[in-house]
Amino acid sequence: MNTLRQWYSPYAHARVWKDSAHLLLDLIVGALLFSYAVTMLSTSFGMAVTLVGLPLLAVTLVSGRWIAAAERARVRALLGTELAAWPPLPPVSSWWQRMVQRFKDDAGWKAMAYSVVMLPWGIVTFTVTVVLWSVAWSMALLPLFGWALPGMDTGAFHPTLAGRIMLSLLGSVLGWLLVVALPRVMHALAAVDVALARALLSPSASAALQQRVSDLQESRDASTESAALELRRIERDLHDGAQQRLVSVAMNLGMAKDRLGEIDDPRARELVSQAHDEAKQAIVELRELVRGIHPAVLTDRGLDPAVSALAARCPVVITVQSDLARRLPATVEAAAYFVVAEALTNIAKHSRATEGTVRLVDRGDTLVVEVHDDGAGGAVATKGSGLHGLADRVKAVDGRMRIASPDGGPTTLIVELPCGS
């Protein structure tokens, strides 16, 4: 009993019915698509010599993407398989570029190929589906009417009523075996249908993965750029707001300090003097904070002057060598700036170096930042260290960082940042 239930259980589920409906529709869809594709392509190529056929061919290939979308929806609805959609074409400026872009679009050409192939494939699927359903169930139910069929009398063969009943029963057994096989055959044909749609109506697995990587990279770049813009906004707000107010407070305290010099109150003069000193210290710290968020010189003048300013403030003698002749993307400039800033901070605090060099090299699609010092070496990008934080910053823009710092020195830090050509 369990075996019979397993054999015939597919009929209790929607899959066999949806598979069969999809396979029957293949003939109708195939006939329509074949007629459309052959008519449009033949007309387009036939009129290509008059140039009228070129726009018509472009429109035909555009419609190929619509056909692909509709067929993917049919596969999803009836066969339960989600096929990846083609990525949208990048925007272009002129109509000629758009037309040429359509001519190179794999999605359109593959959809036309699918439209041509679907007619012969639809004939096969429709025929197999109709024949298998009709033969299997007709034979399975043969005992209900087979004994009465006059067609069993052929030539010299004249079976008796009992013989007719036996033949009907044997045919029924074969029919029920076909009924068992029917859902499996339908599903196998549907699997071929899915494979055909996947091959011609969707990008390949590698292309889909590449598109996914591209989308994630664009999303990451957008997030990085958004964060950089927010930091620049904070820097402007601090510079134009809190910093200016502190400068004003420091100036007022300075004037109050001068006026208190005429009053014989040492304690008041001491308090005002202390407040004046703390206000000036707060201004210095705020300027350092603003510079650490996003230095104004980097936004206004670019990476070369910003790195030169860092080198000038470093207590170790630093030589800057740069061949930058253009402004780089803001995220790349910010990453390079903070790489140099952290490296020079490490040189000043830990390296015991007497001199160092910063090199900025623009290789077209890559910015190379190299920081070298003659210090004691031993620098390691351990977790929680400044160099580890630099590595994370470099990875955020898809860059690469290498460091060579043997004990006894020297130390060389090389960072490669993709920046486009």
Protein backbone atom coordinates (compact mmCIF):
# COMPACT_ATOMS: atom_id res chain seq x y z
CA MET A 1 0.00 0.00 0.00
CA ASN A 2 2.82 2.37 0.83
CA THR A 3 4.43 1.53 -2.48
CA LEU A 4 1.27 2.39 -4.40
CA ARG A 5 0.95 5.63 -2.44
CA GLN A 6 4.51 6.59 -3.37
CA TRP A 7 3.91 5.72 -7.03
CA TYR A 8 0.79 7.78 -7.44
CA SER A 9 1.34 10.51 -4.84
CA PRO A 10 2.64 13.04 -7.47
CA TYR A 11 -0.95 13.46 -8.69
CA ALA A 12 -1.89 14.87 -5.31
CA HIS A 13 0.54 17.75 -5.80
CA ALA A 14 0.42 20.66 -8.19
CA ARG A 15 3.80 20.04 -9.77
CA VAL A 16 2.74 17.46 -12.35
CA TRP A 17 -0.20 19.62 -13.41
CA LYS A 18 1.94 22.77 -13.66
CA ASP A 19 4.69 20.91 -15.52
CA SER A 20 2.14 19.58 -18.01
CA ALA A 21 0.48 22.97 -18.45
CA HIS A 22 3.86 24.59 -19.10
CA LEU A 23 4.79 21.93 -21.67
CA LEU A 24 1.46 22.30 -23.48
CA LEU A 25 1.89 26.10 -23.57
CA ASP A 26 5.33 25.68 -25.16
CA LEU A 27 3.73 25.02 -28.56
CA ILE A 28 1.53 28.13 -28.46
CA VAL A 29 4.31 30.33 -27.09
CA GLY A 30 6.81 28.81 -29.52
CA ALA A 31 4.59 29.46 -32.53
CA LEU A 32 4.04 33.09 -31.55
CA LEU A 33 7.70 33.74 -30.72
CA PHE A 34 8.95 31.97 -33.85
CA SER A 35 6.64 34.00 -36.08
CA TYR A 36 7.63 37.24 -34.40
CA ALA A 37 11.38 36.57 -34.39
CA VAL A 38 11.57 35.34 -37.99
CA THR A 39 9.42 38.21 -39.27
CA MET A 40 11.33 40.94 -37.42
CA LEU A 41 14.80 39.56 -38.09
CA SER A 42 14.19 38.87 -41.77
CA THR A 43 12.67 42.33 -42.25
CA SER A 44 15.50 44.01 -40.35
CA PHE A 45 18.25 42.26 -42.30
CA GLY A 46 16.39 42.64 -45.57
CA MET A 47 16.08 46.41 -45.10
CA ALA A 48 19.54 46.88 -43.61
CA VAL A 49 20.89 48.09 -46.96
CA THR A 50 18.50 51.06 -46.78
CA LEU A 51 19.57 51.79 -43.16
CA VAL A 52 15.91 51.55 -42.09
CA GLY A 53 16.56 48.01 -40.99
CA LEU A 54 19.16 49.02 -38.39
CA PRO A 55 16.75 50.84 -36.05
CA LEU A 56 14.23 48.06 -36.62
CA LEU A 57 16.85 45.48 -35.62
CA ALA A 58 17.66 47.52 -32.51
CA VAL A 59 13.97 47.57 -31.58
CA THR A 60 13.78 43.81 -32.18
CA LEU A 61 16.70 43.19 -29.82
CA VAL A 62 15.15 45.49 -27.22
CA SER A 63 11.98 43.41 -27.41
CA GLY A 64 14.17 40.37 -26.79
CA ARG A 65 14.69 41.55 -23.24
CA TRP A 66 10.91 41.84 -22.81
CA ILE A 67 10.46 38.32 -24.17
CA ALA A 68 13.10 37.05 -21.75
CA ALA A 69 11.37 38.74 -18.82
CA ALA A 70 7.98 37.29 -19.77
CA GLU A 71 9.35 33.77 -20.21
CA ARG A 72 11.26 33.93 -16.93
CA ALA A 73 7.98 34.89 -15.28
CA ARG A 74 6.25 31.89 -16.90
CA VAL A 75 9.00 29.57 -15.71
CA ARG A 76 8.75 31.02 -12.21
CA ALA A 77 4.96 30.72 -12.07
CA LEU A 78 4.56 27.20 -13.50
CA LEU A 79 7.89 25.48 -12.86
CA GLY A 80 8.81 27.21 -9.60
CA THR A 81 12.33 28.13 -10.75
CA GLU A 82 13.72 31.62 -10.30
CA LEU A 83 16.02 32.62 -13.15
CA ALA A 84 18.44 35.53 -12.85
CA ALA A 85 17.50 38.61 -14.84
CA TRP A 86 19.88 40.28 -17.25
CA PRO A 87 21.59 43.34 -15.75
CA PRO A 88 20.41 46.66 -17.22
CA LEU A 89 22.52 48.22 -19.91
CA PRO A 90 24.61 51.21 -18.81
CA PRO A 91 23.23 54.60 -19.86
CA VAL A 92 24.72 56.24 -22.95
CA SER A 93 24.28 59.73 -24.31
CA SER A 94 23.47 59.52 -28.04
CA TRP A 95 20.89 57.51 -30.00
CA TRP A 96 23.65 56.01 -32.16
CA GLN A 97 25.47 54.71 -29.10
CA ARG A 98 22.21 53.23 -27.81
CA MET A 99 21.63 51.47 -31.13
CA VAL A 100 25.16 50.07 -31.24
CA GLN A 101 24.74 49.00 -27.63
CA ARG A 102 21.65 47.01 -28.59
CA PHE A 103 23.54 45.30 -31.40
CA LYS A 104 26.10 44.07 -28.86
CA ASP A 105 23.52 43.01 -26.27
CA ASP A 106 23.72 39.26 -25.63
CA ALA A 107 20.32 39.29 -23.95
CA GLY A 108 18.53 40.38 -27.13
CA TRP A 109 20.31 37.93 -29.44
CA LYS A 110 19.85 35.00 -27.06
CA ALA A 111 16.15 35.82 -26.68
CA MET A 112 15.79 35.74 -30.48
CA ALA A 113 17.57 32.36 -30.55
CA TYR A 114 15.19 31.14 -27.83
CA SER A 115 12.22 32.34 -29.89
CA VAL A 116 13.38 30.33 -32.92
CA VAL A 117 14.18 27.19 -30.94
CA MET A 118 10.90 27.22 -29.02
CA LEU A 119 8.76 26.19 -32.00
CA PRO A 120 10.40 22.78 -32.65
CA TRP A 121 10.82 22.25 -28.92
CA GLY A 122 7.19 23.17 -28.33
CA ILE A 123 6.09 20.65 -30.95
CA VAL A 124 8.05 17.96 -29.12
CA THR A 125 6.76 18.84 -25.65
CA PHE A 126 3.15 19.28 -26.78
CA THR A 127 3.16 15.97 -28.67
CA VAL A 128 4.80 13.98 -25.87
CA THR A 129 2.51 15.50 -23.24
CA VAL A 130 -0.73 14.91 -25.17
CA VAL A 131 0.22 11.41 -26.27
CA LEU A 132 1.48 10.30 -22.86
CA TRP A 133 -1.52 11.66 -20.95
CA SER A 134 -4.06 10.26 -23.41
CA VAL A 135 -2.40 6.85 -23.88
CA ALA A 136 -1.57 6.31 -20.19
CA TRP A 137 -5.02 7.10 -18.87
CA SER A 138 -6.87 5.48 -21.78
CA MET A 139 -5.02 2.22 -21.19
CA ALA A 140 -5.37 2.50 -17.40
CA LEU A 141 -9.15 2.79 -17.76
CA LEU A 142 -9.39 0.22 -20.53
CA PRO A 143 -11.34 -2.35 -18.45
CA LEU A 144 -14.23 0.10 -18.25
CA PHE A 145 -14.85 0.05 -21.98
CA GLY A 146 -12.19 -2.06 -23.72
CA TRP A 147 -14.18 -5.27 -23.69
CA ALA A 148 -16.81 -3.58 -25.83
CA LEU A 149 -14.45 -2.15 -28.44
CA PRO A 150 -15.07 -3.73 -31.87
CA GLY A 151 -11.48 -3.00 -32.88
CA MET A 152 -10.29 -6.09 -31.05
CA ASP A 153 -11.60 -8.24 -33.89
CA THR A 154 -8.77 -8.06 -36.42
CA GLY A 155 -8.34 -10.51 -39.25
CA ALA A 156 -8.35 -14.07 -37.99
CA PHE A 157 -8.23 -12.92 -34.39
CA HIS A 158 -11.72 -13.05 -32.88
CA PRO A 159 -11.35 -13.01 -29.07
CA THR A 160 -14.21 -14.12 -26.93
CA LEU A 161 -15.74 -11.87 -24.33
CA ALA A 162 -13.47 -13.39 -21.70
CA GLY A 163 -10.50 -12.83 -23.98
CA ARG A 164 -11.48 -9.23 -24.44
CA ILE A 165 -11.69 -8.75 -20.72
CA MET A 166 -8.23 -10.32 -20.23
CA LEU A 167 -6.74 -8.09 -22.93
CA SER A 168 -8.34 -5.06 -21.29
CA LEU A 169 -6.87 -6.02 -17.93
CA LEU A 170 -3.39 -6.52 -19.41
CA GLY A 171 -3.64 -3.17 -21.17
CA SER A 172 -4.81 -1.58 -17.93
CA VAL A 173 -1.77 -2.90 -16.06
CA LEU A 174 0.50 -1.38 -18.69
CA GLY A 175 -1.54 1.84 -18.56
CA TRP A 176 -1.17 2.17 -14.79
CA LEU A 177 2.58 1.69 -15.16
CA LEU A 178 2.57 4.52 -17.70
CA VAL A 179 0.54 6.60 -15.23
CA VAL A 180 3.32 6.02 -12.69
CA ALA A 181 5.96 7.12 -15.20
CA LEU A 182 3.99 10.11 -16.50
CA PRO A 183 4.85 12.66 -13.73
CA ARG A 184 8.53 11.70 -13.93
CA VAL A 185 8.59 12.18 -17.69
CA MET A 186 6.77 15.52 -17.39
CA HIS A 187 9.25 16.70 -14.77
CA ALA A 188 12.21 15.59 -16.90
CA LEU A 189 10.87 17.52 -19.90
CA ALA A 190 10.22 20.53 -17.65
CA ALA A 191 13.82 20.32 -16.41
CA VAL A 192 15.02 20.49 -20.02
CA ASP A 193 12.74 23.48 -20.51
CA VAL A 194 14.29 25.20 -17.48
CA ALA A 195 17.80 24.43 -18.76
CA LEU A 196 16.92 25.95 -22.15
CA ALA A 197 15.51 29.07 -20.50
CA ARG A 198 18.50 29.37 -18.19
CA ALA A 199 20.91 29.09 -21.11
CA LEU A 200 19.18 31.66 -23.35
CA LEU A 201 17.12 33.92 -21.07
CA SER A 202 19.53 34.50 -18.17
CA PRO A 203 23.18 35.47 -17.79
CA SER A 204 25.60 32.66 -17.11
CA ALA A 205 26.53 31.82 -13.52
CA SER A 206 29.92 33.55 -13.89
CA ALA A 207 28.31 36.64 -15.45
CA ALA A 208 25.67 36.74 -12.71
CA LEU A 209 28.39 36.44 -10.06
CA GLN A 210 30.41 39.17 -11.73
CA GLN A 211 27.34 41.40 -11.82
CA ARG A 212 26.67 40.67 -8.16
CA VAL A 213 30.26 41.59 -7.28
CA SER A 214 29.93 44.76 -9.35
CA ASP A 215 26.67 45.70 -7.58
CA LEU A 216 28.22 45.09 -4.17
CA GLN A 217 31.26 47.14 -5.11
CA GLU A 218 29.06 50.01 -6.28
CA SER A 219 27.08 49.77 -3.05
CA ARG A 220 30.26 49.78 -0.99
CA ASP A 221 31.69 52.72 -2.93
CA ALA A 222 28.46 54.63 -2.45
CA SER A 223 28.53 53.91 1.30
CA THR A 224 32.17 54.95 1.54
CA GLU A 225 31.50 58.15 -0.39
CA SER A 226 28.46 58.89 1.77
CA ALA A 227 30.53 58.42 4.92
CA ALA A 228 33.24 60.69 3.53
CA LEU A 229 30.69 63.40 2.69
CA GLU A 230 29.24 63.15 6.20
CA LEU A 231 32.71 63.52 7.73
CA ARG A 232 33.39 66.58 5.59
CA ARG A 233 30.08 68.07 6.74
CA ILE A 234 31.02 67.46 10.38
CA GLU A 235 34.43 69.03 9.73
CA ARG A 236 32.82 72.15 8.25
CA ASP A 237 30.33 72.39 11.10
CA LEU A 238 33.08 72.14 13.71
CA HIS A 239 35.31 74.59 11.88
CA ASP A 240 32.61 77.16 11.25
CA GLY A 241 30.69 76.65 14.50
CA ALA A 242 32.35 75.38 17.69
CA GLN A 243 35.86 76.36 16.70
CA GLN A 244 34.90 79.95 15.90
CA ARG A 245 33.02 80.26 19.18
CA LEU A 246 36.04 79.00 21.11
CA VAL A 247 38.25 81.51 19.32
CA SER A 248 35.84 84.24 20.32
CA VAL A 249 35.83 83.02 23.95
CA ALA A 250 39.63 82.92 24.00
CA MET A 251 39.85 86.47 22.64
CA ASN A 252 37.35 87.74 25.22
CA LEU A 253 39.24 85.98 28.01
CA GLY A 254 42.47 87.50 26.75
CA MET A 255 40.99 90.99 26.90
CA ALA A 256 39.51 90.27 30.33
CA LYS A 257 42.94 89.13 31.48
CA ASP A 258 44.48 92.40 30.34
CA ARG A 259 41.76 94.42 32.10
CA LEU A 260 42.15 92.46 35.32
CA GLY A 261 45.77 93.50 35.40
CA GLU A 262 44.54 96.86 36.72
CA ILE A 263 42.61 95.22 39.59
CA ASP A 264 44.30 94.05 42.73
CA ASP A 265 42.71 90.57 42.77
CA PRO A 266 45.32 87.86 42.17
CA ARG A 267 42.77 85.05 42.42
CA ALA A 268 40.54 86.53 39.72
CA ARG A 269 43.54 87.07 37.44
CA GLU A 270 44.61 83.47 38.04
CA LEU A 271 41.16 82.07 37.20
CA VAL A 272 40.83 84.16 34.05
CA SER A 273 44.36 83.25 32.97
CA GLN A 274 43.65 79.56 33.54
CA ALA A 275 40.39 79.79 31.57
CA HIS A 276 42.25 81.58 28.77
CA ASP A 277 44.89 78.86 28.59
CA GLU A 278 42.27 76.09 28.59
CA ALA A 279 40.33 77.82 25.83
CA LYS A 280 43.48 78.02 23.69
CA GLN A 281 44.22 74.36 24.40
CA ALA A 282 40.66 73.44 23.44
CA ILE A 283 41.11 75.31 20.16
CA VAL A 284 44.30 73.35 19.45
CA GLU A 285 42.61 70.05 20.27
CA LEU A 286 39.57 70.93 18.20
CA ARG A 287 41.79 71.81 15.25
CA GLU A 288 43.52 68.46 15.57
CA LEU A 289 40.15 66.74 15.72
CA VAL A 290 38.92 68.56 12.63
CA ARG A 291 42.14 67.73 10.82
CA GLY A 292 41.72 64.08 11.81
CA ILE A 293 38.15 63.96 10.48
CA HIS A 294 38.91 65.47 7.10
CA PRO A 295 41.51 68.19 6.61
CA ALA A 296 40.34 71.26 4.76
CA VAL A 297 43.58 71.44 2.75
CA LEU A 298 42.81 67.98 1.30
CA THR A 299 39.41 69.13 0.05
CA ASP A 300 40.62 72.51 -1.19
CA ARG A 301 44.03 71.76 -2.69
CA GLY A 302 44.35 68.00 -3.06
CA LEU A 303 46.52 65.16 -1.80
CA ASP A 304 49.98 66.52 -2.62
CA PRO A 305 49.68 69.75 -0.54
CA ALA A 306 47.89 67.88 2.27
CA VAL A 307 50.69 65.30 2.54
CA SER A 308 53.31 68.09 2.38
CA ALA A 309 51.55 69.77 5.32
CA LEU A 310 51.69 66.50 7.28
CA ALA A 311 55.40 66.14 6.54
CA ALA A 312 56.08 69.74 7.63
CA ARG A 313 54.46 69.11 11.02
CA CYS A 314 56.31 65.84 11.63
CA PRO A 315 59.27 66.20 14.09
CA VAL A 316 61.29 63.83 11.89
CA VAL A 317 62.69 65.18 8.64
CA ILE A 318 60.37 63.89 5.91
CA THR A 319 60.93 64.25 2.18
CA VAL A 320 57.85 64.17 -0.06
CA GLN A 321 58.17 62.91 -3.63
CA SER A 322 55.03 63.13 -5.78
CA ASP A 323 54.15 62.92 -9.47
CA LEU A 324 50.43 63.61 -9.02
CA ALA A 325 49.15 65.74 -11.87
CA ARG A 326 45.41 65.33 -11.27
CA ARG A 327 42.79 65.19 -8.56
CA LEU A 328 41.89 61.66 -7.56
CA PRO A 329 38.50 60.43 -6.27
CA ALA A 330 37.74 61.86 -2.82
CA THR A 331 37.63 58.44 -1.14
CA VAL A 332 41.05 57.55 -2.55
CA GLU A 333 42.58 60.88 -1.50
CA ALA A 334 41.17 60.49 2.01
CA ALA A 335 42.47 56.92 2.33
CA ALA A 336 45.94 57.93 1.09
CA TYR A 337 46.03 60.94 3.41
CA PHE A 338 45.23 58.93 6.52
CA VAL A 339 47.71 56.24 5.51
CA VAL A 340 50.44 58.87 5.44
CA ALA A 341 49.17 60.53 8.62
CA GLU A 342 49.22 57.27 10.61
CA ALA A 343 52.59 56.26 9.17
CA LEU A 344 54.19 59.60 10.09
CA THR A 345 52.65 59.41 13.57
CA ASN A 346 54.24 55.98 14.05
CA ILE A 347 57.58 57.30 12.77
CA ALA A 348 57.48 60.19 15.23
CA LYS A 349 56.42 58.09 18.24
CA HIS A 350 58.00 54.68 17.84
CA SER A 351 60.59 54.40 15.11
CA ARG A 352 63.49 56.47 16.52
CA ALA A 353 64.13 57.46 12.90
CA THR A 354 66.18 60.47 11.80
CA GLU A 355 64.61 60.87 8.38
CA GLY A 356 61.93 59.43 6.16
CA THR A 357 60.42 59.59 2.69
CA VAL A 358 56.89 59.70 1.37
CA ARG A 359 56.34 58.82 -2.30
CA LEU A 360 53.07 59.28 -4.19
CA VAL A 361 53.01 57.60 -7.61
CA ASP A 362 50.04 57.78 -9.99
CA ARG A 363 50.02 54.69 -12.25
CA GLY A 364 46.81 55.56 -14.01
CA ASP A 365 44.48 53.04 -12.46
CA THR A 366 46.36 52.73 -9.17
CA LEU A 367 47.77 55.19 -6.65
CA VAL A 368 50.88 53.88 -4.90
CA VAL A 369 51.73 55.37 -1.51
CA GLU A 370 55.13 54.44 -0.11
CA VAL A 371 56.38 55.57 3.30
CA HIS A 372 59.97 54.75 4.27
CA ASP A 373 61.99 55.54 7.38
CA ASP A 374 65.44 54.63 8.70
CA GLY A 375 64.20 53.77 12.20
CA ALA A 376 64.52 50.70 14.41
CA GLY A 377 61.86 48.64 12.56
CA GLY A 378 59.70 45.99 14.19
CA ALA A 379 56.39 47.51 13.08
CA VAL A 380 53.60 44.90 12.98
CA ALA A 381 49.94 45.34 12.00
CA THR A 382 48.58 43.55 15.08
CA LYS A 383 44.90 43.70 15.93
CA GLY A 384 44.00 46.96 17.62
CA SER A 385 47.10 48.78 16.40
CA GLY A 386 47.12 51.83 14.18
CA LEU A 387 48.51 49.80 11.27
CA HIS A 388 45.66 47.31 11.63
CA GLY A 389 43.18 50.16 11.42
CA LEU A 390 45.00 51.38 8.30
CA ALA A 391 44.66 47.94 6.74
CA ASP A 392 40.89 48.08 7.31
CA ARG A 393 40.71 51.55 5.78
CA VAL A 394 42.67 50.38 2.74
CA LYS A 395 40.43 47.31 2.29
CA ALA A 396 37.36 49.58 2.36
CA VAL A 397 38.45 51.05 -0.99
CA ASP A 398 39.59 47.67 -2.38
CA GLY A 399 43.25 48.48 -1.87
CA ARG A 400 46.25 46.45 -0.76
CA MET A 401 48.78 47.17 1.99
CA ARG A 402 52.22 45.66 2.51
CA ILE A 403 54.77 46.40 5.20
CA ALA A 404 58.41 45.39 5.55
CA SER A 405 59.88 46.24 8.95
CA PRO A 406 62.63 43.88 10.13
CA ASP A 407 64.12 44.38 13.59
CA GLY A 408 66.80 47.02 13.30
CA GLY A 409 65.04 48.70 10.39
CA PRO A 410 64.41 50.19 8.00
CA THR A 411 60.61 50.21 7.64
CA THR A 412 58.77 50.48 4.32
CA LEU A 413 55.00 50.72 4.03
CA ILE A 414 53.48 50.32 0.55
CA VAL A 415 49.81 50.87 -0.15
CA GLU A 416 48.12 50.44 -3.54
CA LEU A 417 44.75 52.12 -4.01
CA PRO A 418 42.63 51.63 -7.16
CA CYS A 419 41.59 55.00 -8.51
CA GLY A 420 40.55 54.53 -12.14
CA SER A 421 42.36 55.70 -15.20
